[in-house]
Every structure is written in C-alpha cells, then in structure tokens.
Amino acid sequence: MRWFEARGWMVDYAAPDDELIPGSDNHFVFPIARSPYSPSNLRAYRKLMKIIKKSHYDIVHCLPPIGALLTRMACSKERKCAIKLIYTEQGFHF
C-alpha cells in the first residue's frame, strides 16, 4: 500500500473490522464472514458492488477466500472495463 501511495495512487482498504491501516485513503468496513452461507456476506457483496462501481479502480487486490470470491463477483461487470483483479492465497483451505 505504501508503494502505491508513494507513486500517487489512491489506496482504499476494506476489512471486516475497524482496524485502521496506515497508508490508505479510504477505509471500508465489510461484514464478511468466513462461512460462505452467512447472510452478512450478501450485505458485503452489495456494498462492494456499489463502491467498485463508484470508484473506478484500476487494480483490486484480495486476501481472504470468501472476500476474494465476493470481490470477483462484484467486479465481474467492471472487469470488462479493465479492472485488474489480484488474489493472494494465504494458506491452503482444503
């Protein structure tokens, strides 16, 4: 995030809690749950879609598996407009 910020990029950060990360321009709190069946994930998906559509991001980077799935779904229409989506796996979930 600091690398992008140092080059003049806008850096937004989304997380399921209020933890503030230095170097971000905007911080969004999403109720993403680890279970794919949690109702809070539907609310997070809707919120992600609104923010992605409004912000016109060039790159979106995802870390947690459920958050990445929701983000890929939210970016699906916008990706046709050149959004690059990066997913970093942290551990194996099988």
PDB file of N, CA and C in Angstrom:
ATOM      1  N   MET A   1       0.823  -1.188   0.000  1.00  0.00           N
ATOM      2  CA  MET A   1       0.000   0.000   0.000  1.00  0.00           C
ATOM      3  C   MET A   1       0.864   1.249   0.000  1.00  0.00           C
ATOM      4  N   ARG A   2       1.939   1.202   0.771  1.00  0.00           N
ATOM      5  CA  ARG A   2       2.827   2.370   0.813  1.00  0.00           C
ATOM      6  C   ARG A   2       3.486   2.610  -0.549  1.00  0.00           C
ATOM      7  N   TRP A   3       3.811   1.541  -1.244  1.00  0.00           N
ATOM      8  CA  TRP A   3       4.437   1.651  -2.557  1.00  0.00           C
ATOM      9  C   TRP A   3       3.516   2.399  -3.517  1.00  0.00           C
ATOM     10  N   PHE A   4       2.248   1.996  -3.557  1.00  0.00           N
ATOM     11  CA  PHE A   4       1.285   2.658  -4.434  1.00  0.00           C
ATOM     12  C   PHE A   4       1.057   4.110  -4.012  1.00  0.00           C
ATOM     13  N   GLU A   5       0.929   4.323  -2.726  1.00  0.00           N
ATOM     14  CA  GLU A   5       0.712   5.672  -2.215  1.00  0.00           C
ATOM     15  C   GLU A   5       1.892   6.589  -2.571  1.00  0.00           C
ATOM     16  N   ALA A   6       3.116   6.072  -2.479  1.00  0.00           N
ATOM     17  CA  ALA A   6       4.300   6.868  -2.799  1.00  0.00           C
ATOM     18  C   ALA A   6       4.329   7.271  -4.277  1.00  0.00           C
ATOM     19  N   ARG A   7       3.625   6.539  -5.113  1.00  0.00           N
ATOM     20  CA  ARG A   7       3.583   6.843  -6.537  1.00  0.00           C
ATOM     21  C   ARG A   7       2.335   7.611  -6.933  1.00  0.00           C
ATOM     22  N   GLY A   8       1.596   8.093  -5.937  1.00  0.00           N
ATOM     23  CA  GLY A   8       0.438   8.938  -6.207  1.00  0.00           C
ATOM     24  C   GLY A   8      -0.863   8.219  -6.466  1.00  0.00           C
ATOM     25  N   TRP A   9      -0.912   6.919  -6.225  1.00  0.00           N
ATOM     26  CA  TRP A   9      -2.145   6.166  -6.426  1.00  0.00           C
ATOM     27  C   TRP A   9      -3.064   6.346  -5.225  1.00  0.00           C
ATOM     28  N   MET A  10      -4.365   6.289  -5.472  1.00  0.00           N
ATOM     29  CA  MET A  10      -5.329   6.251  -4.386  1.00  0.00           C
ATOM     30  C   MET A  10      -5.377   4.810  -3.874  1.00  0.00           C
ATOM     31  N   VAL A  11      -5.309   4.646  -2.560  1.00  0.00           N
ATOM     32  CA  VAL A  11      -5.310   3.315  -1.960  1.00  0.00           C
ATOM     33  C   VAL A  11      -6.471   3.226  -0.969  1.00  0.00           C
ATOM     34  N   ASP A  12      -7.417   2.356  -1.251  1.00  0.00           N
ATOM     35  CA  ASP A  12      -8.533   2.101  -0.344  1.00  0.00           C
ATOM     36  C   ASP A  12      -8.341   0.735   0.291  1.00  0.00           C
ATOM     37  N   TYR A  13      -8.926   0.565   1.465  1.00  0.00           N
ATOM     38  CA  TYR A  13      -8.743  -0.658   2.245  1.00  0.00           C
ATOM     39  C   TYR A  13     -10.099  -1.106   2.777  1.00  0.00           C
ATOM     40  N   ALA A  14     -10.414  -2.368   2.624  1.00  0.00           N
ATOM     41  CA  ALA A  14     -11.661  -2.923   3.147  1.00  0.00           C
ATOM     42  C   ALA A  14     -11.339  -4.093   4.058  1.00  0.00           C
ATOM     43  N   ALA A  15     -12.041  -4.170   5.182  1.00  0.00           N
ATOM     44  CA  ALA A  15     -11.813  -5.240   6.153  1.00  0.00           C
ATOM     45  C   ALA A  15     -13.091  -5.469   6.953  1.00  0.00           C
ATOM     46  N   PRO A  16     -13.186  -6.632   7.615  1.00  0.00           N
ATOM     47  CA  PRO A  16     -14.379  -6.906   8.415  1.00  0.00           C
ATOM     48  C   PRO A  16     -14.376  -6.224   9.785  1.00  0.00           C
ATOM     49  N   ASP A  17     -13.332  -5.453  10.085  1.00  0.00           N
ATOM     50  CA  ASP A  17     -13.281  -4.772  11.384  1.00  0.00           C
ATOM     51  C   ASP A  17     -12.811  -3.330  11.198  1.00  0.00           C
ATOM     52  N   ASP A  18     -12.720  -2.595  12.289  1.00  0.00           N
ATOM     53  CA  ASP A  18     -12.354  -1.178  12.241  1.00  0.00           C
ATOM     54  C   ASP A  18     -10.856  -0.927  12.308  1.00  0.00           C
ATOM     55  N   GLU A  19     -10.046  -1.950  12.125  1.00  0.00           N
ATOM     56  CA  GLU A  19      -8.595  -1.773  12.200  1.00  0.00           C
ATOM     57  C   GLU A  19      -8.136  -0.820  11.097  1.00  0.00           C
ATOM     58  N   LEU A  20      -7.524   0.285  11.485  1.00  0.00           N
ATOM     59  CA  LEU A  20      -7.069   1.274  10.524  1.00  0.00           C
ATOM     60  C   LEU A  20      -5.648   0.938  10.081  1.00  0.00           C
ATOM     61  N   ILE A  21      -5.442   0.877   8.791  1.00  0.00           N
ATOM     62  CA  ILE A  21      -4.133   0.568   8.224  1.00  0.00           C
ATOM     63  C   ILE A  21      -3.525   1.865   7.698  1.00  0.00           C
ATOM     64  N   PRO A  22      -2.334   2.214   8.167  1.00  0.00           N
ATOM     65  CA  PRO A  22      -1.689   3.429   7.662  1.00  0.00           C
ATOM     66  C   PRO A  22      -1.410   3.320   6.163  1.00  0.00           C
ATOM     67  N   GLY A  23      -1.567   4.407   5.467  1.00  0.00           N
ATOM     68  CA  GLY A  23      -1.292   4.427   4.037  1.00  0.00           C
ATOM     69  C   GLY A  23      -2.523   4.278   3.170  1.00  0.00           C
ATOM     70  N   SER A  24      -3.700   4.179   3.771  1.00  0.00           N
ATOM     71  CA  SER A  24      -4.905   4.057   2.963  1.00  0.00           C
ATOM     72  C   SER A  24      -5.645   5.387   2.927  1.00  0.00           C
ATOM     73  N   ASP A  25      -6.226   5.695   1.771  1.00  0.00           N
ATOM     74  CA  ASP A  25      -7.009   6.922   1.626  1.00  0.00           C
ATOM     75  C   ASP A  25      -8.403   6.746   2.216  1.00  0.00           C
ATOM     76  N   ASN A  26      -9.009   5.607   1.968  1.00  0.00           N
ATOM     77  CA  ASN A  26     -10.353   5.312   2.480  1.00  0.00           C
ATOM     78  C   ASN A  26     -10.351   3.937   3.119  1.00  0.00           C
ATOM     79  N   HIS A  27     -11.108   3.793   4.181  1.00  0.00           N
ATOM     80  CA  HIS A  27     -11.220   2.518   4.877  1.00  0.00           C
ATOM     81  C   HIS A  27     -12.688   2.134   4.929  1.00  0.00           C
ATOM     82  N   PHE A  28     -13.015   0.966   4.416  1.00  0.00           N
ATOM     83  CA  PHE A  28     -14.386   0.473   4.405  1.00  0.00           C
ATOM     84  C   PHE A  28     -14.485  -0.748   5.308  1.00  0.00           C
ATOM     85  N   VAL A  29     -15.546  -0.812   6.095  1.00  0.00           N
ATOM     86  CA  VAL A  29     -15.786  -1.964   6.968  1.00  0.00           C
ATOM     87  C   VAL A  29     -16.870  -2.823   6.324  1.00  0.00           C
ATOM     88  N   PHE A  30     -16.532  -4.094   6.100  1.00  0.00           N
ATOM     89  CA  PHE A  30     -17.451  -5.039   5.491  1.00  0.00           C
ATOM     90  C   PHE A  30     -17.720  -6.181   6.451  1.00  0.00           C
ATOM     91  N   PRO A  31     -18.970  -6.608   6.557  1.00  0.00           N
ATOM     92  CA  PRO A  31     -19.298  -7.733   7.447  1.00  0.00           C
ATOM     93  C   PRO A  31     -19.049  -9.079   6.786  1.00  0.00           C
ATOM     94  N   ILE A  32     -17.859  -9.301   6.253  1.00  0.00           N
ATOM     95  CA  ILE A  32     -17.543 -10.574   5.580  1.00  0.00           C
ATOM     96  C   ILE A  32     -17.286 -11.646   6.626  1.00  0.00           C
ATOM     97  N   ALA A  33     -17.989 -12.763   6.479  1.00  0.00           N
ATOM     98  CA  ALA A  33     -17.836 -13.885   7.401  1.00  0.00           C
ATOM     99  C   ALA A  33     -17.055 -15.001   6.714  1.00  0.00           C
ATOM    100  N   ARG A  34     -16.444 -15.861   7.500  1.00  0.00           N
ATOM    101  CA  ARG A  34     -15.683 -16.987   6.923  1.00  0.00           C
ATOM    102  C   ARG A  34     -16.588 -18.028   6.286  1.00  0.00           C
ATOM    103  N   SER A  35     -17.780 -18.157   6.808  1.00  0.00           N
ATOM    104  CA  SER A  35     -18.719 -19.124   6.244  1.00  0.00           C
ATOM    105  C   SER A  35     -19.347 -18.555   4.969  1.00  0.00           C
ATOM    106  N   PRO A  36     -19.339 -19.308   3.884  1.00  0.00           N
ATOM    107  CA  PRO A  36     -19.957 -18.804   2.651  1.00  0.00           C
ATOM    108  C   PRO A  36     -21.473 -18.678   2.750  1.00  0.00           C
ATOM    109  N   TYR A  37     -22.061 -19.258   3.784  1.00  0.00           N
ATOM    110  CA  TYR A  37     -23.517 -19.244   3.927  1.00  0.00           C
ATOM    111  C   TYR A  37     -24.023 -18.138   4.851  1.00  0.00           C
ATOM    112  N   SER A  38     -23.150 -17.313   5.357  1.00  0.00           N
ATOM    113  CA  SER A  38     -23.541 -16.254   6.284  1.00  0.00           C
ATOM    114  C   SER A  38     -24.297 -15.146   5.551  1.00  0.00           C
ATOM    115  N   PRO A  39     -25.431 -14.684   6.110  1.00  0.00           N
ATOM    116  CA  PRO A  39     -26.190 -13.582   5.496  1.00  0.00           C
ATOM    117  C   PRO A  39     -25.394 -12.279   5.409  1.00  0.00           C
ATOM    118  N   SER A  40     -24.411 -12.115   6.272  1.00  0.00           N
ATOM    119  CA  SER A  40     -23.626 -10.875   6.224  1.00  0.00           C
ATOM    120  C   SER A  40     -22.823 -10.775   4.931  1.00  0.00           C
ATOM    121  N   ASN A  41     -22.537 -11.899   4.293  1.00  0.00           N
ATOM    122  CA  ASN A  41     -21.793 -11.865   3.035  1.00  0.00           C
ATOM    123  C   ASN A  41     -22.607 -11.252   1.902  1.00  0.00           C
ATOM    124  N   LEU A  42     -23.908 -11.414   1.936  1.00  0.00           N
ATOM    125  CA  LEU A  42     -24.766 -10.786   0.932  1.00  0.00           C
ATOM    126  C   LEU A  42     -24.734  -9.265   1.088  1.00  0.00           C
ATOM    127  N   ARG A  43     -24.765  -8.787   2.322  1.00  0.00           N
ATOM    128  CA  ARG A  43     -24.665  -7.344   2.575  1.00  0.00           C
ATOM    129  C   ARG A  43     -23.304  -6.822   2.128  1.00  0.00           C
ATOM    130  N   ALA A  44     -22.249  -7.574   2.404  1.00  0.00           N
ATOM    131  CA  ALA A  44     -20.903  -7.175   1.990  1.00  0.00           C
ATOM    132  C   ALA A  44     -20.797  -7.128   0.465  1.00  0.00           C
ATOM    133  N   TYR A  45     -21.378  -8.097  -0.197  1.00  0.00           N
ATOM    134  CA  TYR A  45     -21.362  -8.142  -1.662  1.00  0.00           C
ATOM    135  C   TYR A  45     -22.035  -6.901  -2.247  1.00  0.00           C
ATOM    136  N   ARG A  46     -23.179  -6.552  -1.732  1.00  0.00           N
ATOM    137  CA  ARG A  46     -23.901  -5.365  -2.228  1.00  0.00           C
ATOM    138  C   ARG A  46     -23.087  -4.094  -2.004  1.00  0.00           C
ATOM    139  N   LYS A  47     -22.466  -3.993  -0.837  1.00  0.00           N
ATOM    140  CA  LYS A  47     -21.644  -2.824  -0.529  1.00  0.00           C
ATOM    141  C   LYS A  47     -20.421  -2.768  -1.441  1.00  0.00           C
ATOM    142  N   LEU A  48     -19.789  -3.901  -1.682  1.00  0.00           N
ATOM    143  CA  LEU A  48     -18.644  -3.974  -2.590  1.00  0.00           C
ATOM    144  C   LEU A  48     -19.026  -3.524  -4.003  1.00  0.00           C
ATOM    145  N   MET A  49     -20.170  -3.991  -4.479  1.00  0.00           N
ATOM    146  CA  MET A  49     -20.606  -3.615  -5.826  1.00  0.00           C
ATOM    147  C   MET A  49     -20.760  -2.102  -5.949  1.00  0.00           C
ATOM    148  N   LYS A  50     -21.372  -1.476  -4.960  1.00  0.00           N
ATOM    149  CA  LYS A  50     -21.570  -0.023  -5.006  1.00  0.00           C
ATOM    150  C   LYS A  50     -20.240   0.725  -5.009  1.00  0.00           C
ATOM    151  N   ILE A  51     -19.326   0.321  -4.147  1.00  0.00           N
ATOM    152  CA  ILE A  51     -18.038   1.007  -4.045  1.00  0.00           C
ATOM    153  C   ILE A  51     -17.206   0.805  -5.306  1.00  0.00           C
ATOM    154  N   ILE A  52     -17.164  -0.402  -5.829  1.00  0.00           N
ATOM    155  CA  ILE A  52     -16.377  -0.684  -7.030  1.00  0.00           C
ATOM    156  C   ILE A  52     -16.930   0.078  -8.226  1.00  0.00           C
ATOM    157  N   LYS A  53     -18.229   0.125  -8.348  1.00  0.00           N
ATOM    158  CA  LYS A  53     -18.844   0.847  -9.467  1.00  0.00           C
ATOM    159  C   LYS A  53     -18.578   2.352  -9.360  1.00  0.00           C
ATOM    160  N   LYS A  54     -18.641   2.872  -8.151  1.00  0.00           N
ATOM    161  CA  LYS A  54     -18.462   4.309  -7.930  1.00  0.00           C
ATOM    162  C   LYS A  54     -17.000   4.742  -8.069  1.00  0.00           C
ATOM    163  N   SER A  55     -16.060   3.907  -7.647  1.00  0.00           N
ATOM    164  CA  SER A  55     -14.665   4.319  -7.518  1.00  0.00           C
ATOM    165  C   SER A  55     -13.816   4.127  -8.769  1.00  0.00           C
ATOM    166  N   HIS A  56     -14.229   3.305  -9.709  1.00  0.00           N
ATOM    167  CA  HIS A  56     -13.484   3.092 -10.953  1.00  0.00           C
ATOM    168  C   HIS A  56     -12.024   2.700 -10.699  1.00  0.00           C
ATOM    169  N   TYR A  57     -11.825   1.637  -9.953  1.00  0.00           N
ATOM    170  CA  TYR A  57     -10.483   1.168  -9.615  1.00  0.00           C
ATOM    171  C   TYR A  57      -9.772   0.605 -10.838  1.00  0.00           C
ATOM    172  N   ASP A  58      -8.443   0.719 -10.839  1.00  0.00           N
ATOM    173  CA  ASP A  58      -7.608   0.080 -11.854  1.00  0.00           C
ATOM    174  C   ASP A  58      -7.213  -1.322 -11.399  1.00  0.00           C
ATOM    175  N   ILE A  59      -6.909  -1.462 -10.096  1.00  0.00           N
ATOM    176  CA  ILE A  59      -6.468  -2.731  -9.533  1.00  0.00           C
ATOM    177  C   ILE A  59      -7.239  -2.996  -8.244  1.00  0.00           C
ATOM    178  N   VAL A  60      -7.666  -4.236  -8.054  1.00  0.00           N
ATOM    179  CA  VAL A  60      -8.293  -4.669  -6.804  1.00  0.00           C
ATOM    180  C   VAL A  60      -7.522  -5.897  -6.329  1.00  0.00           C
ATOM    181  N   HIS A  61      -7.050  -5.868  -5.088  1.00  0.00           N
ATOM    182  CA  HIS A  61      -6.283  -6.969  -4.513  1.00  0.00           C
ATOM    183  C   HIS A  61      -7.079  -7.583  -3.373  1.00  0.00           C
ATOM    184  N   CYS A  62      -7.187  -8.909  -3.350  1.00  0.00           N
ATOM    185  CA  CYS A  62      -7.966  -9.626  -2.341  1.00  0.00           C
ATOM    186  C   CYS A  62      -7.082 -10.604  -1.584  1.00  0.00           C
ATOM    187  N   LEU A  63      -7.405 -10.799  -0.296  1.00  0.00           N
ATOM    188  CA  LEU A  63      -6.663 -11.766   0.511  1.00  0.00           C
ATOM    189  C   LEU A  63      -7.512 -12.947   0.981  1.00  0.00           C
ATOM    190  N   PRO A  64      -8.557 -12.750   1.778  1.00  0.00           N
ATOM    191  CA  PRO A  64      -9.267 -13.926   2.301  1.00  0.00           C
ATOM    192  C   PRO A  64     -10.112 -14.600   1.220  1.00  0.00           C
ATOM    193  N   PRO A  65     -10.299 -15.912   1.295  1.00  0.00           N
ATOM    194  CA  PRO A  65     -11.020 -16.646   0.250  1.00  0.00           C
ATOM    195  C   PRO A  65     -12.455 -16.161   0.015  1.00  0.00           C
ATOM    196  N   ILE A  66     -13.229 -15.976   1.058  1.00  0.00           N
ATOM    197  CA  ILE A  66     -14.621 -15.542   0.880  1.00  0.00           C
ATOM    198  C   ILE A  66     -14.654 -14.105   0.384  1.00  0.00           C
ATOM    199  N   GLY A  67     -13.808 -13.257   0.943  1.00  0.00           N
ATOM    200  CA  GLY A  67     -13.720 -11.872   0.475  1.00  0.00           C
ATOM    201  C   GLY A  67     -13.316 -11.797  -0.989  1.00  0.00           C
ATOM    202  N   ALA A  68     -12.410 -12.684  -1.404  1.00  0.00           N
ATOM    203  CA  ALA A  68     -11.980 -12.715  -2.799  1.00  0.00           C
ATOM    204  C   ALA A  68     -13.110 -13.162  -3.719  1.00  0.00           C
ATOM    205  N   LEU A  69     -13.862 -14.156  -3.279  1.00  0.00           N
ATOM    206  CA  LEU A  69     -15.000 -14.620  -4.076  1.00  0.00           C
ATOM    207  C   LEU A  69     -16.017 -13.504  -4.254  1.00  0.00           C
ATOM    208  N   LEU A  70     -16.373 -12.834  -3.163  1.00  0.00           N
ATOM    209  CA  LEU A  70     -17.344 -11.741  -3.237  1.00  0.00           C
ATOM    210  C   LEU A  70     -16.824 -10.606  -4.113  1.00  0.00           C
ATOM    211  N   THR A  71     -15.542 -10.327  -4.004  1.00  0.00           N
ATOM    212  CA  THR A  71     -14.950  -9.251  -4.799  1.00  0.00           C
ATOM    213  C   THR A  71     -14.932  -9.609  -6.278  1.00  0.00           C
ATOM    214  N   ARG A  72     -14.588 -10.849  -6.604  1.00  0.00           N
ATOM    215  CA  ARG A  72     -14.615 -11.271  -8.013  1.00  0.00           C
ATOM    216  C   ARG A  72     -16.017 -11.143  -8.584  1.00  0.00           C
ATOM    217  N   MET A  73     -17.008 -11.538  -7.803  1.00  0.00           N
ATOM    218  CA  MET A  73     -18.393 -11.414  -8.268  1.00  0.00           C
ATOM    219  C   MET A  73     -18.774  -9.946  -8.448  1.00  0.00           C
ATOM    220  N   ALA A  74     -18.392  -9.099  -7.498  1.00  0.00           N
ATOM    221  CA  ALA A  74     -18.729  -7.674  -7.568  1.00  0.00           C
ATOM    222  C   ALA A  74     -18.008  -6.979  -8.722  1.00  0.00           C
ATOM    223  N   CYS A  75     -16.823  -7.445  -9.060  1.00  0.00           N
ATOM    224  CA  CYS A  75     -16.028  -6.835 -10.134  1.00  0.00           C
ATOM    225  C   CYS A  75     -16.383  -7.390 -11.513  1.00  0.00           C
ATOM    226  N   SER A  76     -17.215  -8.407 -11.593  1.00  0.00           N
ATOM    227  CA  SER A  76     -17.403  -9.115 -12.866  1.00  0.00           C
ATOM    228  C   SER A  76     -17.793  -8.177 -14.006  1.00  0.00           C
ATOM    229  N   LYS A  77     -18.735  -7.280 -13.806  1.00  0.00           N
ATOM    230  CA  LYS A  77     -19.113  -6.350 -14.878  1.00  0.00           C
ATOM    231  C   LYS A  77     -18.044  -5.288 -15.075  1.00  0.00           C
ATOM    232  N   GLU A  78     -17.484  -4.812 -13.985  1.00  0.00           N
ATOM    233  CA  GLU A  78     -16.480  -3.759 -14.066  1.00  0.00           C
ATOM    234  C   GLU A  78     -15.168  -4.273 -14.650  1.00  0.00           C
ATOM    235  N   ARG A  79     -14.873  -5.552 -14.508  1.00  0.00           N
ATOM    236  CA  ARG A  79     -13.628  -6.107 -15.050  1.00  0.00           C
ATOM    237  C   ARG A  79     -13.609  -6.018 -16.560  1.00  0.00           C
ATOM    238  N   LYS A  80     -14.776  -6.002 -17.177  1.00  0.00           N
ATOM    239  CA  LYS A  80     -14.826  -5.824 -18.626  1.00  0.00           C
ATOM    240  C   LYS A  80     -14.338  -4.430 -18.998  1.00  0.00           C
ATOM    241  N   CYS A  81     -14.288  -3.542 -18.010  1.00  0.00           N
ATOM    242  CA  CYS A  81     -13.819  -2.173 -18.228  1.00  0.00           C
ATOM    243  C   CYS A  81     -12.388  -2.025 -17.733  1.00  0.00           C
ATOM    244  N   ALA A  82     -11.621  -3.084 -17.707  1.00  0.00           N
ATOM    245  CA  ALA A  82     -10.178  -3.087 -17.460  1.00  0.00           C
ATOM    246  C   ALA A  82      -9.742  -3.088 -15.996  1.00  0.00           C
ATOM    247  N   ILE A  83     -10.572  -3.491 -15.051  1.00  0.00           N
ATOM    248  CA  ILE A  83     -10.101  -3.664 -13.678  1.00  0.00           C
ATOM    249  C   ILE A  83      -9.243  -4.925 -13.625  1.00  0.00           C
ATOM    250  N   LYS A  84      -8.073  -4.808 -13.039  1.00  0.00           N
ATOM    251  CA  LYS A  84      -7.202  -5.964 -12.824  1.00  0.00           C
ATOM    252  C   LYS A  84      -7.471  -6.485 -11.419  1.00  0.00           C
ATOM    253  N   LEU A  85      -7.718  -7.769 -11.293  1.00  0.00           N
ATOM    254  CA  LEU A  85      -8.034  -8.382 -10.007  1.00  0.00           C
ATOM    255  C   LEU A  85      -6.904  -9.319  -9.608  1.00  0.00           C
ATOM    256  N   ILE A  86      -6.343  -9.093  -8.418  1.00  0.00           N
ATOM    257  CA  ILE A  86      -5.242  -9.898  -7.906  1.00  0.00           C
ATOM    258  C   ILE A  86      -5.713 -10.600  -6.638  1.00  0.00           C
ATOM    259  N   TYR A  87      -5.478 -11.896  -6.549  1.00  0.00           N
ATOM    260  CA  TYR A  87      -5.849 -12.665  -5.358  1.00  0.00           C
ATOM    261  C   TYR A  87      -4.601 -13.315  -4.793  1.00  0.00           C
ATOM    262  N   THR A  88      -4.327 -13.074  -3.528  1.00  0.00           N
ATOM    263  CA  THR A  88      -3.182 -13.680  -2.843  1.00  0.00           C
ATOM    264  C   THR A  88      -3.714 -14.711  -1.850  1.00  0.00           C
ATOM    265  N   GLU A  89      -3.372 -15.956  -2.057  1.00  0.00           N
ATOM    266  CA  GLU A  89      -3.783 -17.051  -1.169  1.00  0.00           C
ATOM    267  C   GLU A  89      -2.873 -17.053   0.047  1.00  0.00           C
ATOM    268  N   GLN A  90      -3.474 -17.127   1.215  1.00  0.00           N
ATOM    269  CA  GLN A  90      -2.710 -17.196   2.459  1.00  0.00           C
ATOM    270  C   GLN A  90      -3.017 -18.513   3.156  1.00  0.00           C
ATOM    271  N   GLY A  91      -2.327 -19.544   2.789  1.00  0.00           N
ATOM    272  CA  GLY A  91      -2.591 -20.858   3.362  1.00  0.00           C
ATOM    273  C   GLY A  91      -3.470 -21.659   2.436  1.00  0.00           C
ATOM    274  N   PHE A  92      -3.638 -22.920   2.761  1.00  0.00           N
ATOM    275  CA  PHE A  92      -4.444 -23.800   1.939  1.00  0.00           C
ATOM    276  C   PHE A  92      -5.739 -24.119   2.674  1.00  0.00           C
ATOM    277  N   HIS A  93      -6.859 -24.011   1.971  1.00  0.00           N
ATOM    278  CA  HIS A  93      -8.166 -24.191   2.582  1.00  0.00           C
ATOM    279  C   HIS A  93      -8.826 -25.460   2.077  1.00  0.00           C
ATOM    280  N   PHE A  94      -8.087 -26.555   2.095  1.00  0.00           N
ATOM    281  CA  PHE A  94      -8.691 -27.830   1.712  1.00  0.00           C
ATOM    282  C   PHE A  94      -8.238 -28.910   2.652  1.00  0.00           C
TER     283      PHE A  94
END
